[in-house]
Protein backbone atom coordinates (compact mmCIF):
# COMPACT_ATOMS: atom_id res chain seq x y z
CA MET A 1 -53.20 4.71 47.63
CA ARG A 2 -50.89 7.36 48.68
CA THR A 3 -50.10 10.28 46.44
CA VAL A 4 -46.58 11.63 46.04
CA PRO A 5 -46.21 15.29 46.91
CA ALA A 6 -45.37 17.68 44.07
CA PHE A 7 -41.89 18.60 45.31
CA GLN A 8 -40.90 14.88 45.36
CA ARG A 9 -42.25 14.40 41.83
CA LYS A 10 -40.11 17.33 40.69
CA LYS A 11 -37.09 15.84 42.46
CA ASN A 12 -37.70 12.41 40.88
CA HIS A 13 -38.15 14.05 37.48
CA LYS A 14 -34.86 15.94 37.84
CA MET A 15 -33.05 12.73 38.86
CA SER A 16 -34.50 10.89 35.87
CA CYS A 17 -33.40 13.67 33.53
CA LEU A 18 -29.92 13.65 35.06
CA CYS A 19 -29.61 9.86 34.67
CA ILE A 20 -30.80 10.02 31.07
CA THR A 21 -28.34 12.86 30.32
CA VAL A 22 -25.42 10.94 31.84
CA ALA A 23 -26.37 7.80 29.92
CA MET A 24 -26.64 9.74 26.65
CA ALA A 25 -23.29 11.46 27.27
CA PHE A 26 -21.67 8.06 27.88
CA ILE A 27 -23.17 6.59 24.73
CA LEU A 28 -22.10 9.59 22.63
CA SER A 29 -18.55 9.45 24.01
CA VAL A 30 -18.28 5.74 23.18
CA ILE A 31 -19.56 6.40 19.66
CA ALA A 32 -17.12 9.30 19.19
CA ILE A 33 -14.13 7.24 20.39
CA ASP A 34 -15.06 4.33 18.11
CA GLY A 35 -15.50 6.77 15.25
CA PHE A 36 -11.97 8.10 15.70
CA LYS A 37 -10.61 4.55 15.84
CA LEU A 38 -12.45 3.66 12.63
CA LYS A 39 -11.18 6.78 10.91
CA SER A 40 -7.62 5.88 11.90
CA LYS A 41 -8.04 2.35 10.54
CA TYR A 42 -9.55 3.74 7.35
CA THR A 43 -6.51 5.97 6.84
CA GLN A 44 -4.16 3.04 7.45
CA TYR A 45 -6.07 0.91 4.96
CA GLN A 46 -6.00 3.67 2.35
CA ASN A 47 -2.21 3.96 2.76
CA LYS A 48 -1.88 0.18 2.46
CA ILE A 49 -4.02 0.21 -0.70
CA ALA A 50 -1.83 2.91 -2.24
CA GLU A 51 1.33 0.97 -1.35
CA LEU A 52 -0.05 -2.25 -2.81
CA GLN A 53 -1.17 -0.43 -5.97
CA ASP A 54 2.39 0.89 -6.38
CA ASN A 55 3.67 -2.67 -6.01
CA ILE A 56 1.20 -3.89 -8.62
CA ASP A 57 2.26 -1.15 -11.02
CA SER A 58 5.96 -1.90 -10.57
CA GLU A 59 5.41 -5.64 -11.01
CA THR A 60 3.32 -5.01 -14.12
CA LYS A 61 6.14 -2.91 -15.58
CA ARG A 62 8.64 -5.61 -14.63
CA THR A 63 6.46 -8.23 -16.34
CA ASP A 64 6.34 -6.13 -19.49
CA ASP A 65 10.13 -5.70 -19.42
CA LEU A 66 10.59 -9.45 -19.01
CA LYS A 67 8.26 -10.14 -21.94
CA GLN A 68 10.26 -7.74 -24.10
CA PHE A 69 13.50 -9.37 -22.97
CA GLU A 70 12.03 -12.79 -23.79
CA LYS A 71 11.26 -11.60 -27.31
CA PHE A 72 14.78 -10.16 -27.59
CA THR A 73 16.37 -13.43 -26.48
CA LYS A 74 14.75 -15.17 -29.43
CA THR A 75 16.43 -12.87 -31.94
CA ARG A 76 19.67 -13.44 -33.82
CA LYS A 77 21.08 -10.18 -32.48
CA TYR A 78 20.89 -11.50 -28.90
CA ALA A 79 22.62 -14.74 -29.88
CA GLU A 80 25.41 -12.76 -31.55
CA GLN A 81 25.73 -10.48 -28.54
CA VAL A 82 26.04 -13.42 -26.13
CA ALA A 83 28.55 -15.14 -28.42
CA GLU A 84 30.68 -11.98 -28.54
CA ASP A 85 30.49 -11.20 -24.83
CA LYS A 86 30.78 -14.64 -23.27
CA LEU A 87 32.57 -16.69 -25.87
CA GLY A 88 34.68 -14.02 -27.56
CA LEU A 89 33.46 -14.97 -31.02
CA VAL A 90 33.59 -12.49 -33.91
CA HIS A 91 32.21 -12.25 -37.43
CA ASP A 92 34.42 -13.29 -40.34
CA ASP A 93 34.79 -9.72 -41.62
CA GLU A 94 35.61 -8.15 -38.22
CA ILE A 95 39.07 -7.04 -37.22
CA ILE A 96 39.95 -7.01 -33.55
CA PHE A 97 42.55 -4.63 -32.23
CA LYS A 98 44.15 -5.54 -28.94
CA PRO A 99 46.55 -3.27 -27.10
CA SER A 100 50.04 -4.64 -26.98
CA ASP A 101 51.82 -5.23 -23.70
CA GLU A 102 54.57 -2.79 -24.72
CA ASP A 103 52.19 0.22 -24.77
CA GLN A 104 51.44 -0.05 -21.08
């Protein structure tokens, strides 16, 4: 067996350290880039969650308003209001004043 001289062992050791350092730098850069991408996606998802929560809140309020309107439509007051507005009906004791054509 042949022994490797000391200066070549040092040279091989330095090359090994350099290769390991380059490999580690590459791995760390890939991890850092992926980390930034994930952080960007996380921010986008958080914004989307906030937007969807706002939509849920507005639809919940709308649902509550519709439920209240449904209750109101079952009342006598609503029926009278529709009869007055759409059909022009009035109560027996009401007096309607209409402007005459001469006043215009």
